[in-house]
């Protein structure tokens, strides 16, 4: 693994790394000197040490109370630390021995990390404490401790986050990859907070326990994976930065445009268009301005160029796709299919009666039964949108669906149309729709369907494209013509085998004897 990582470092022109940890602090903070050490320091005070104390306090006569008042002062502690050799041996030991021992223990934990990079990988290692000049950090790999300081855990974490943001701000287009390290059991619970608040992409970030540094192969496997994706992470980083800039820039352009409209413009829109359609002005503008803002985003050349550069990503060196994506994919997928749930809740809250809020194509209803969500029945509205809008529909057309948990067991391609995800009160599900089970419900009896004591409650609304997709599939299904069953087809199948040998090196694919035969390989593990 050493050779593979060395090759990656050369290919990516990485010649040094930075380690940031309070183990490398030059001067202790006042809060890091324990109360018992101060008490022992005062008890051991002798004639040899008193001149230094009176000098630092700018007094003529030693006063123990003055020392007690200054022991919480970082500046006093720093000056005392700088002149500690003028203290007698036992006084110096009483005050600083515990701090020195703790610092040495921390450095011992980091020594294997320094050794791996400095001696085995041959790169330069920069070691910085809390007082380092982070604006000069231009290395492509940064290791940083979760807690920059031994007191006030949340404050120490915030200090580490601020440090990473300061380092990223030096060159936002070329940020380093960051490895968060700690011996604390809180690493797992705090890593995501650190990544998000530190404005790091997932592909630019890893976390690792410090005890892993002594296991070279395991540690270098993580480093190898992170560095191998470094060029791709820079392209993705540029894309996200372009989004950030575009949102700021085009927001002003959008607002400058819509501010020019006067009340008469809105009045004309309502009288000439919306009144005839039976649509409210505010509801209409939420959708129109959403599209209009998107129009401005599409004009941002930097965003378009950054997006185009992502087309060059090939992902040939990445592992095969897995069945369970990153959790953040779920709300993104849900948002692309459904309007925000808060919009539906708001319509329900402001309606005079719950069932009198607007019924639209793509509305999803769930039964009110007192059973878990995954066992409840759902309905979706398929009635033509214009008929509902103009009040021409005497009844609404719906099809039933079955709600199932969003899980690996349900990850398959169904015969029936499936909605791959829906967020209901923070829990995720899939819906299998039964096209052969249409029902209709009279507009005049909506109270029985959606009223306070109704059988169903509206929970989400499909975005128009997905609502139309379900509608068209249902319509197409009505005109099916039976076709004879066909014989099954066969295809050649290939098998690629990856394994790790006794030296923990990855071996890739076993060559096939014949490209048309099914591959079979026995690999000793």
Protein backbone atom coordinates (compact mmCIF):
# COMPACT_ATOMS: atom_id res chain seq x y z
CA UNK A 1 0.00 0.00 0.00
CA UNK A 2 2.97 2.33 0.62
CA UNK A 3 3.93 2.17 -3.07
CA UNK A 4 0.38 2.86 -4.27
CA UNK A 5 0.00 5.89 -2.01
CA UNK A 6 3.43 7.21 -3.02
CA UNK A 7 2.41 6.95 -6.68
CA UNK A 8 -0.84 8.82 -6.00
CA UNK A 9 1.02 11.57 -4.15
CA UNK A 10 3.39 11.99 -7.09
CA UNK A 11 0.59 11.98 -9.66
CA UNK A 12 -1.32 14.65 -7.74
CA UNK A 13 1.84 16.67 -6.97
CA UNK A 14 1.33 16.41 -3.21
CA UNK A 15 4.64 16.99 -1.47
CA UNK A 16 3.54 17.88 2.05
CA UNK A 17 0.75 17.48 4.58
CA UNK A 18 -0.38 19.51 7.57
CA UNK A 19 -1.31 18.19 11.02
CA UNK A 20 -3.26 20.55 13.28
CA UNK A 21 -3.55 19.54 16.91
CA UNK A 22 -3.28 21.31 20.25
CA UNK A 23 -0.52 18.79 21.03
CA UNK A 24 1.73 21.18 19.06
CA UNK A 25 0.80 24.28 21.06
CA UNK A 26 3.81 26.31 22.17
CA UNK A 27 2.03 27.95 25.09
CA UNK A 28 -0.68 26.61 27.42
CA UNK A 29 -3.98 28.38 27.97
CA UNK A 30 -4.93 29.37 31.52
CA UNK A 31 -7.85 26.94 31.56
CA UNK A 32 -5.48 24.06 30.79
CA UNK A 33 -3.61 24.45 34.09
CA UNK A 34 -5.61 22.55 36.68
CA UNK A 35 -6.74 24.11 39.94
CA UNK A 36 -4.81 21.54 41.95
CA UNK A 37 -1.62 22.50 40.11
CA UNK A 38 -2.14 26.16 40.99
CA UNK A 39 -2.71 25.25 44.63
CA UNK A 40 0.45 23.15 44.69
CA UNK A 41 2.32 25.97 42.93
CA UNK A 42 1.33 28.43 45.67
CA UNK A 43 2.19 25.93 48.39
CA UNK A 44 5.65 25.32 46.92
CA UNK A 45 6.44 29.01 46.27
CA UNK A 46 10.00 29.80 47.43
CA UNK A 47 12.46 32.69 47.57
CA UNK A 48 14.05 31.66 44.27
CA UNK A 49 10.73 32.01 42.38
CA UNK A 50 9.22 35.08 44.06
CA UNK A 51 11.25 37.68 42.08
CA UNK A 52 9.81 36.42 38.80
CA UNK A 53 6.24 36.53 40.13
CA UNK A 54 6.58 40.11 41.44
CA UNK A 55 8.14 41.15 38.13
CA UNK A 56 5.30 39.64 36.10
CA UNK A 57 2.71 41.24 38.40
CA UNK A 58 4.54 44.59 38.38
CA UNK A 59 4.54 44.80 42.18
CA UNK A 60 7.26 45.27 44.78
CA UNK A 61 6.00 42.74 47.31
CA UNK A 62 4.79 39.20 46.58
CA UNK A 63 1.03 38.85 47.14
CA UNK A 64 -0.54 35.39 46.89
CA UNK A 65 -4.00 36.87 46.32
CA UNK A 66 -2.74 38.71 43.25
CA UNK A 67 -1.50 35.42 41.83
CA UNK A 68 -4.90 33.82 42.46
CA UNK A 69 -6.61 36.68 40.63
CA UNK A 70 -4.32 36.31 37.61
CA UNK A 71 -4.32 32.56 37.17
CA UNK A 72 -7.30 32.75 34.78
CA UNK A 73 -5.45 35.28 32.59
CA UNK A 74 -4.05 33.70 29.40
CA UNK A 75 -1.51 36.49 29.03
CA UNK A 76 -0.17 36.01 32.57
CA UNK A 77 0.11 32.25 32.06
CA UNK A 78 1.86 32.78 28.71
CA UNK A 79 4.43 35.14 30.25
CA UNK A 80 4.96 32.78 33.18
CA UNK A 81 5.44 29.89 30.75
CA UNK A 82 7.97 31.92 28.74
CA UNK A 83 10.02 32.62 31.88
CA UNK A 84 9.50 29.23 33.57
CA UNK A 85 13.23 28.46 33.65
CA UNK A 86 13.59 31.24 36.25
CA UNK A 87 11.32 29.28 38.62
CA UNK A 88 12.82 26.76 41.00
CA UNK A 89 12.59 23.17 39.82
CA UNK A 90 9.94 22.12 42.35
CA UNK A 91 7.74 25.21 41.71
CA UNK A 92 7.94 24.72 37.95
CA UNK A 93 7.13 21.03 38.34
CA UNK A 94 4.15 21.78 40.58
CA UNK A 95 2.57 24.11 38.02
CA UNK A 96 3.43 22.63 34.63
CA UNK A 97 4.23 18.93 35.08
CA UNK A 98 0.68 17.64 34.46
CA UNK A 99 0.30 19.87 31.39
CA UNK A 100 3.65 18.67 30.00
CA UNK A 101 2.70 15.03 30.55
CA UNK A 102 -0.62 15.49 28.75
CA UNK A 103 1.08 17.19 25.81
CA UNK A 104 3.66 14.43 25.54
CA UNK A 105 0.88 11.83 25.54
CA UNK A 106 -0.87 13.62 22.70
CA UNK A 107 2.33 13.89 20.68
CA UNK A 108 2.97 10.17 21.20
CA UNK A 109 -0.43 9.44 19.62
CA UNK A 110 0.47 11.51 16.58
CA UNK A 111 4.00 10.16 16.20
CA UNK A 112 2.97 7.17 14.00
CA UNK A 113 1.13 9.60 11.69
CA UNK A 114 4.20 11.80 11.36
CA UNK A 115 6.42 8.76 10.79
CA UNK A 116 4.22 7.36 8.01
CA UNK A 117 4.29 10.56 5.96
CA UNK A 118 7.75 11.84 6.80
CA UNK A 119 9.79 8.62 6.72
CA UNK A 120 7.78 6.07 4.74
CA UNK A 121 6.05 8.30 2.18
CA UNK A 122 8.81 10.91 1.99
CA UNK A 123 6.70 14.04 2.24
CA UNK A 124 7.17 17.11 4.40
CA UNK A 125 4.97 17.35 7.51
CA UNK A 126 3.82 20.71 8.94
CA UNK A 127 2.75 20.50 12.60
CA UNK A 128 0.59 23.38 13.82
CA UNK A 129 -1.14 24.13 17.10
CA UNK A 130 -3.94 26.55 17.88
CA UNK A 131 -1.74 29.61 17.36
CA UNK A 132 -0.54 28.59 13.89
CA UNK A 133 -0.80 30.84 10.84
CA UNK A 134 -3.48 28.96 8.93
CA UNK A 135 -3.49 31.44 6.05
CA UNK A 136 -0.16 29.92 5.00
CA UNK A 137 -1.53 26.36 4.87
CA UNK A 138 -1.49 25.41 1.20
CA UNK A 139 -1.05 21.67 1.52
CA UNK A 140 -3.54 19.38 -0.21
CA UNK A 141 -4.00 17.10 2.83
CA UNK A 142 -4.91 18.40 6.29
CA UNK A 143 -5.31 16.33 9.44
CA UNK A 144 -7.13 18.19 12.20
CA UNK A 145 -8.12 17.25 15.72
CA UNK A 146 -11.84 17.35 16.56
CA UNK A 147 -11.11 19.13 19.84
CA UNK A 148 -8.62 21.97 19.54
CA UNK A 149 -8.15 22.36 23.28
CA UNK A 150 -8.76 20.26 26.38
CA UNK A 151 -11.46 22.41 27.99
CA UNK A 152 -14.94 23.34 26.80
CA UNK A 153 -15.70 20.62 24.26
CA UNK A 154 -18.18 22.59 22.15
CA UNK A 155 -15.86 25.60 22.10
CA UNK A 156 -12.97 23.33 21.07
CA UNK A 157 -15.03 21.84 18.23
CA UNK A 158 -16.10 25.29 17.05
CA UNK A 159 -12.44 26.35 17.06
CA UNK A 160 -11.56 23.39 14.82
CA UNK A 161 -14.43 24.23 12.45
CA UNK A 162 -13.35 27.87 12.23
CA UNK A 163 -9.80 26.74 11.50
CA UNK A 164 -10.89 24.59 8.55
CA UNK A 165 -13.05 27.37 7.15
CA UNK A 166 -10.10 29.75 7.41
CA UNK A 167 -7.89 27.28 5.54
CA UNK A 168 -10.54 26.77 2.83
CA UNK A 169 -10.91 30.53 2.37
CA UNK A 170 -7.26 30.86 1.30
CA UNK A 171 -8.04 29.24 -2.06
CA UNK A 172 -11.71 28.17 -2.29
CA UNK A 173 -11.26 26.70 -5.76
CA UNK A 174 -8.51 24.34 -4.59
CA UNK A 175 -9.41 23.23 -1.06
CA UNK A 176 -7.48 20.45 0.66
CA UNK A 177 -8.91 17.08 1.58
CA UNK A 178 -9.53 17.00 5.33
CA UNK A 179 -9.16 14.07 7.70
CA UNK A 180 -10.78 14.65 11.07
CA UNK A 181 -9.06 12.74 13.87
CA UNK A 182 -9.81 12.13 17.52
CA UNK A 183 -9.52 9.67 20.37
CA UNK A 184 -12.95 10.68 21.64
CA UNK A 185 -15.99 8.39 21.32
CA UNK A 186 -17.87 11.50 20.18
CA UNK A 187 -16.08 11.42 16.83
CA UNK A 188 -18.87 9.45 15.16
CA UNK A 189 -21.62 11.76 16.41
CA UNK A 190 -19.74 14.98 15.61
CA UNK A 191 -18.16 14.17 12.25
CA UNK A 192 -21.20 15.18 10.17
CA UNK A 193 -21.59 18.44 12.07
CA UNK A 194 -17.91 19.20 11.48
CA UNK A 195 -18.18 18.41 7.76
CA UNK A 196 -21.33 20.49 7.21
CA UNK A 197 -20.33 23.51 9.33
CA UNK A 198 -16.81 23.36 7.89
CA UNK A 199 -18.35 23.60 4.38
CA UNK A 200 -16.64 20.40 3.23
CA UNK A 201 -17.87 18.08 0.50
CA UNK A 202 -18.27 14.44 1.39
CA UNK A 203 -15.60 13.48 -1.14
CA UNK A 204 -13.15 15.89 0.51
CA UNK A 205 -13.60 14.55 4.01
CA UNK A 206 -12.95 11.50 6.16
CA UNK A 207 -12.79 10.84 9.90
CA UNK A 208 -10.45 8.47 11.68
CA UNK A 209 -9.62 7.42 15.22
CA UNK A 210 -6.07 8.18 16.29
CA UNK A 211 -5.39 4.60 17.38
CA UNK A 212 -5.63 3.54 13.72
CA UNK A 213 -2.38 5.38 12.89
CA UNK A 214 -0.43 2.42 14.23
CA UNK A 215 -2.20 0.10 11.74
CA UNK A 216 -0.43 1.35 8.63
CA UNK A 217 -2.27 -0.67 5.99
CA UNK A 218 -5.74 0.12 7.30
CA UNK A 219 -4.90 3.80 7.67
CA UNK A 220 -3.29 4.11 4.25
CA UNK A 221 -6.28 2.41 2.60
CA UNK A 222 -8.45 5.33 3.71
CA UNK A 223 -5.80 7.84 2.61
CA UNK A 224 -5.48 6.10 -0.78
CA UNK A 225 -9.25 6.29 -1.38
CA UNK A 226 -9.34 9.98 -0.46
CA UNK A 227 -6.37 11.03 -2.61
CA UNK A 228 -7.47 8.95 -5.61
CA UNK A 229 -10.68 10.99 -5.78
CA UNK A 230 -8.90 14.33 -5.27
CA UNK A 231 -9.00 15.56 -8.93
CA UNK A 232 -12.69 14.68 -9.21
CA UNK A 233 -13.45 16.36 -5.89
CA UNK A 234 -11.98 19.63 -7.20
CA UNK A 235 -14.37 19.57 -10.17
CA UNK A 236 -17.32 18.89 -7.90
CA UNK A 237 -16.13 21.60 -5.51
CA UNK A 238 -16.01 24.10 -8.36
CA UNK A 239 -19.58 23.15 -9.30
CA UNK A 240 -20.87 23.73 -5.76
CA UNK A 241 -18.99 27.06 -5.53
CA UNK A 242 -20.53 28.08 -8.85
CA UNK A 243 -23.96 27.31 -7.42
CA UNK A 244 -23.20 29.41 -4.36
CA UNK A 245 -22.08 32.36 -6.44
CA UNK A 246 -24.96 32.00 -8.89
CA UNK A 247 -27.53 31.97 -6.10
CA UNK A 248 -26.09 35.19 -4.68
CA UNK A 249 -25.66 36.95 -8.03
CA UNK A 250 -28.87 35.85 -9.74
CA UNK A 251 -30.91 36.44 -6.59
CA UNK A 252 -30.21 40.14 -6.94
CA UNK A 253 -30.99 40.07 -10.67
CA UNK A 254 -34.28 38.26 -10.04
CA UNK A 255 -35.36 40.59 -7.23
CA UNK A 256 -34.42 43.68 -9.25
CA UNK A 257 -36.72 42.45 -12.00
CA UNK A 258 -39.79 41.54 -9.91
CA UNK A 259 -39.55 44.76 -7.88
CA UNK A 260 -40.36 46.66 -11.08
CA UNK A 261 -43.89 45.24 -11.18
CA UNK A 262 -46.58 47.53 -9.82
CA UNK A 263 -49.89 46.57 -8.22
CA UNK A 264 -51.61 47.29 -11.53
CA UNK A 265 -49.54 44.55 -13.15
CA UNK A 266 -50.73 42.06 -10.55
CA UNK A 267 -54.29 43.32 -10.92
CA UNK A 268 -54.16 42.77 -14.68
CA UNK A 269 -52.80 39.26 -14.18
CA UNK A 270 -55.60 38.40 -11.79
CA UNK A 271 -58.45 39.95 -13.83
CA UNK A 272 -57.34 38.86 -17.30
CA UNK A 273 -55.92 35.40 -16.57
CA UNK A 274 -56.37 33.99 -13.11
CA UNK A 275 -60.03 34.83 -12.47
CA UNK A 276 -60.98 32.94 -15.62
CA UNK A 277 -58.90 29.97 -14.50
CA UNK A 278 -60.18 30.04 -10.93
CA UNK A 279 -56.66 30.28 -9.54
CA UNK A 280 -55.39 32.45 -6.69
CA UNK A 281 -52.79 35.14 -7.36
CA UNK A 282 -50.37 34.17 -4.60
CA UNK A 283 -50.46 30.43 -5.34
CA UNK A 284 -49.81 31.19 -9.01
CA UNK A 285 -46.88 33.51 -8.30
CA UNK A 286 -45.14 31.01 -6.02
CA UNK A 287 -44.85 28.69 -9.03
CA UNK A 288 -44.16 31.39 -11.63
CA UNK A 289 -41.42 33.09 -9.61
CA UNK A 290 -39.86 29.70 -8.87
CA UNK A 291 -39.57 29.13 -12.63
CA UNK A 292 -38.47 32.71 -13.29
CA UNK A 293 -35.63 32.47 -10.77
CA UNK A 294 -34.55 29.20 -12.38
CA UNK A 295 -34.48 31.08 -15.70
CA UNK A 296 -31.84 33.45 -14.29
CA UNK A 297 -29.80 30.59 -12.89
CA UNK A 298 -29.72 29.05 -16.37
CA UNK A 299 -28.06 32.24 -17.67
CA UNK A 300 -25.07 31.98 -15.31
CA UNK A 301 -22.16 31.00 -17.55
CA UNK A 302 -19.86 30.06 -14.67
CA UNK A 303 -22.49 27.65 -13.34
CA UNK A 304 -23.10 26.20 -16.79
CA UNK A 305 -19.37 25.78 -17.40
CA UNK A 306 -18.82 24.14 -14.00
CA UNK A 307 -21.74 21.80 -14.67
CA UNK A 308 -20.37 20.96 -18.10
CA UNK A 309 -17.00 20.05 -16.59
CA UNK A 310 -18.71 17.34 -14.54
CA UNK A 311 -19.50 15.56 -17.81
CA UNK A 312 -15.84 14.54 -17.96
CA UNK A 313 -16.07 12.51 -14.76
CA UNK A 314 -15.87 8.83 -15.66
CA UNK A 315 -15.77 7.13 -12.23
CA UNK A 316 -13.79 4.20 -13.61
CA UNK A 317 -11.75 3.82 -10.42
CA UNK A 318 -14.74 3.87 -8.07
CA UNK A 319 -16.32 0.77 -6.52
CA UNK A 320 -19.48 -0.68 -8.12
CA UNK A 321 -22.74 1.09 -7.28
CA UNK A 322 -24.33 0.01 -4.03
CA UNK A 323 -27.99 -0.43 -3.21
CA UNK A 324 -28.20 2.03 -0.34
CA UNK A 325 -27.09 5.55 -1.35
CA UNK A 326 -25.98 8.33 0.98
CA UNK A 327 -28.90 9.36 3.19
CA UNK A 328 -28.92 12.90 1.79
CA UNK A 329 -29.96 11.44 -1.59
CA UNK A 330 -33.37 10.61 -0.12
CA UNK A 331 -34.63 14.16 0.60
CA UNK A 332 -33.18 15.36 -2.73
CA UNK A 333 -35.04 12.62 -4.61
CA UNK A 334 -38.23 13.29 -2.67
CA UNK A 335 -37.99 17.02 -3.44
CA UNK A 336 -37.59 16.35 -7.15
CA UNK A 337 -40.81 14.27 -7.22
CA UNK A 338 -43.06 16.10 -4.72
CA UNK A 339 -43.81 19.67 -3.78
CA UNK A 340 -42.75 20.57 -0.25
CA UNK A 341 -45.05 19.01 2.34
CA UNK A 342 -45.37 22.36 4.12
CA UNK A 343 -47.24 23.75 1.12
CA UNK A 344 -49.91 21.07 1.45
CA UNK A 345 -50.10 21.59 5.21
CA UNK A 346 -50.49 25.34 4.74
CA UNK A 347 -53.34 24.89 2.25
CA UNK A 348 -55.05 22.57 4.71
CA UNK A 349 -54.57 24.99 7.60
CA UNK A 350 -55.98 28.04 5.81
CA UNK A 351 -58.94 26.23 4.23
CA UNK A 352 -62.34 27.03 5.74
CA UNK A 353 -62.96 23.29 5.85
CA UNK A 354 -60.13 20.74 5.41
CA UNK A 355 -61.79 19.15 2.37
CA UNK A 356 -62.44 22.49 0.64
CA UNK A 357 -58.81 23.29 -0.10
CA UNK A 358 -57.95 22.92 -3.79
CA UNK A 359 -57.86 19.39 -5.18
CA UNK A 360 -55.23 19.09 -7.91
CA UNK A 361 -53.80 16.51 -10.24
CA UNK A 362 -51.14 14.56 -8.31
CA UNK A 363 -52.58 15.07 -4.81
CA UNK A 364 -51.76 12.09 -2.59
CA UNK A 365 -54.16 11.00 0.18
CA UNK A 366 -53.38 8.56 2.99
CA UNK A 367 -55.91 6.67 5.08
CA UNK A 368 -56.45 7.82 8.66
CA UNK A 369 -56.40 4.30 10.08
CA UNK A 370 -54.67 3.94 13.44
CA UNK A 371 -52.02 1.59 12.06
CA UNK A 372 -48.38 2.11 11.00
CA UNK A 373 -47.89 4.10 7.81
CA UNK A 374 -46.49 1.16 5.86
CA UNK A 375 -49.77 -0.71 6.24
CA UNK A 376 -52.00 2.14 5.12
CA UNK A 377 -53.66 2.68 1.78
CA UNK A 378 -52.90 5.72 -0.38
CA UNK A 379 -54.74 7.35 -3.29
CA UNK A 380 -53.56 9.72 -6.01
CA UNK A 381 -55.72 12.14 -8.02
CA UNK A 382 -55.59 11.59 -11.81
CA UNK A 383 -58.42 13.86 -12.91
CA UNK A 384 -57.49 16.30 -15.67
CA UNK A 385 -55.95 19.39 -14.11
CA UNK A 386 -57.99 21.89 -16.16
CA UNK A 387 -61.28 20.17 -15.25
CA UNK A 388 -60.43 20.48 -11.58
CA UNK A 389 -59.27 24.07 -12.04
CA UNK A 390 -62.43 25.17 -13.85
CA UNK A 391 -64.79 23.23 -11.61
CA UNK A 392 -66.06 21.10 -14.51
CA UNK A 393 -65.33 17.77 -12.83
CA UNK A 394 -68.33 16.22 -11.07
CA UNK A 395 -66.13 13.54 -9.56
CA UNK A 396 -62.43 12.92 -9.12
CA UNK A 397 -60.59 9.92 -10.56
CA UNK A 398 -58.11 8.16 -8.28
CA UNK A 399 -56.04 5.00 -8.24
CA UNK A 400 -54.98 3.11 -5.16
CA UNK A 401 -51.48 2.42 -4.02
CA UNK A 402 -49.76 0.41 -1.33
CA UNK A 403 -47.24 2.08 0.96
CA UNK A 404 -44.08 0.12 1.75
CA UNK A 405 -40.96 0.94 3.78
CA UNK A 406 -38.02 2.45 1.90
CA UNK A 407 -35.62 -0.45 2.37
CA UNK A 408 -33.28 -2.80 0.56
CA UNK A 409 -35.98 -5.48 0.63
CA UNK A 410 -38.20 -3.24 -1.50
CA UNK A 411 -35.44 -2.14 -3.85
CA UNK A 412 -36.54 -3.78 -7.08
CA UNK A 413 -38.14 -2.94 -10.41
CA UNK A 414 -41.86 -3.69 -9.98
CA UNK A 415 -44.28 -4.63 -12.73
CA UNK A 416 -46.68 -1.91 -11.54
CA UNK A 417 -45.67 1.77 -11.60
CA UNK A 418 -43.74 2.74 -8.51
CA UNK A 419 -43.01 6.03 -6.83
CA UNK A 420 -39.46 5.35 -5.59
CA UNK A 421 -39.69 7.53 -2.48
CA UNK A 422 -42.05 9.66 -0.44
CA UNK A 423 -41.29 11.47 2.81
CA UNK A 424 -44.14 11.30 5.33
CA UNK A 425 -43.39 13.14 8.56
CA UNK A 426 -39.66 12.41 8.27
CA UNK A 427 -40.01 8.70 7.42
CA UNK A 428 -39.37 7.42 3.90
CA UNK A 429 -41.52 4.96 1.94
CA UNK A 430 -42.14 3.72 -1.59
CA UNK A 431 -45.56 3.48 -3.26
CA UNK A 432 -46.65 0.74 -5.66
CA UNK A 433 -49.64 1.93 -7.69
CA UNK A 434 -52.34 -0.44 -8.93
CA UNK A 435 -53.37 0.80 -12.39
CA UNK A 436 -56.14 -1.76 -12.56
CA UNK A 437 -57.92 -0.39 -9.48
CA UNK A 438 -59.39 3.02 -10.41
CA UNK A 439 -62.06 4.58 -8.25
CA UNK A 440 -64.08 7.77 -8.51
CA UNK A 441 -65.34 10.04 -5.80
CA UNK A 442 -68.09 12.59 -6.12
CA UNK A 443 -67.06 16.20 -5.62
CA UNK A 444 -70.23 16.69 -3.59
CA UNK A 445 -69.17 14.03 -1.07
CA UNK A 446 -65.60 15.18 -0.46
CA UNK A 447 -66.43 15.66 3.21
CA UNK A 448 -66.73 11.89 3.54
CA UNK A 449 -63.35 11.47 1.86
CA UNK A 450 -61.29 14.35 3.32
CA UNK A 451 -63.33 16.03 6.05
CA UNK A 452 -62.44 16.11 9.73
CA UNK A 453 -63.97 12.66 10.09
CA UNK A 454 -63.09 11.57 6.57
CA UNK A 455 -61.35 8.36 5.61
CA UNK A 456 -58.27 10.07 4.13
CA UNK A 457 -55.98 13.04 4.60
CA UNK A 458 -53.99 14.84 1.93
CA UNK A 459 -50.26 14.60 2.68
CA UNK A 460 -48.25 15.43 -0.47
CA UNK A 461 -48.62 16.63 -4.05
CA UNK A 462 -46.65 15.34 -7.03
CA UNK A 463 -44.87 17.90 -9.13
CA UNK A 464 -46.85 18.30 -12.33
CA UNK A 465 -44.50 16.23 -14.49
CA UNK A 466 -44.77 13.19 -12.22
CA UNK A 467 -48.52 13.59 -11.78
CA UNK A 468 -48.93 13.64 -15.56
CA UNK A 469 -46.67 10.59 -15.86
CA UNK A 470 -48.97 8.57 -13.59
CA UNK A 471 -52.03 9.87 -15.41
CA UNK A 472 -50.67 8.94 -18.84
CA UNK A 473 -49.60 5.49 -17.71
CA UNK A 474 -53.08 4.86 -16.38
CA UNK A 475 -54.68 6.07 -19.62
CA UNK A 476 -52.33 3.95 -21.70
CA UNK A 477 -53.07 0.93 -19.56
CA UNK A 478 -56.78 1.22 -20.35
CA UNK A 479 -56.10 0.50 -24.04
CA UNK A 480 -53.85 -2.53 -23.66
CA UNK A 481 -54.10 -5.34 -26.17
CA UNK A 482 -53.11 -8.83 -25.06
CA UNK A 483 -49.93 -10.19 -26.64
CA UNK A 484 -48.56 -13.75 -26.69
CA UNK A 485 -45.79 -14.69 -24.30
CA UNK A 486 -42.32 -14.89 -25.82
CA UNK A 487 -39.54 -17.37 -25.21
CA UNK A 488 -36.90 -16.27 -22.77
CA UNK A 489 -33.69 -14.74 -24.06
CA UNK A 490 -30.14 -15.54 -22.98
CA UNK A 491 -27.07 -13.34 -22.69
CA UNK A 492 -23.40 -14.01 -22.01
CA UNK A 493 -22.44 -13.15 -18.46
CA UNK A 494 -19.11 -11.95 -17.16
CA UNK A 495 -17.78 -12.07 -13.62
CA UNK A 496 -15.13 -9.71 -12.28
CA UNK A 497 -13.42 -10.79 -9.07
CA UNK A 498 -11.57 -8.38 -6.76
CA UNK A 499 -9.60 -9.62 -3.77
CA UNK A 500 -6.91 -8.56 -1.32
CA UNK A 501 -3.75 -10.69 -1.11
CA UNK A 502 -1.61 -11.40 1.94
CA UNK A 503 0.17 -8.05 1.49
CA UNK A 504 -3.21 -6.26 1.52
CA UNK A 505 -2.83 -5.35 -2.16
CA UNK A 506 -5.95 -5.21 -4.30
CA UNK A 507 -5.88 -7.60 -7.26
CA UNK A 508 -8.21 -6.90 -10.16
CA UNK A 509 -10.21 -8.83 -12.36
CA UNK A 510 -9.39 -12.41 -13.13
CA UNK A 511 -9.12 -12.69 -16.92
CA UNK A 512 -11.84 -14.67 -18.71
CA UNK A 513 -10.83 -17.65 -20.79
CA UNK A 514 -13.63 -16.88 -23.22
CA UNK A 515 -15.66 -13.73 -23.53
CA UNK A 516 -18.79 -15.70 -24.45
CA UNK A 517 -18.61 -18.29 -21.68
CA UNK A 518 -19.77 -17.72 -18.14
CA UNK A 519 -16.66 -16.92 -16.13
CA UNK A 520 -15.84 -19.01 -13.12
CA UNK A 521 -12.91 -18.19 -10.90
CA UNK A 522 -11.69 -19.66 -7.66
CA UNK A 523 -9.62 -17.16 -5.74
CA UNK A 524 -7.81 -18.10 -2.50
CA UNK A 525 -8.55 -15.46 0.14
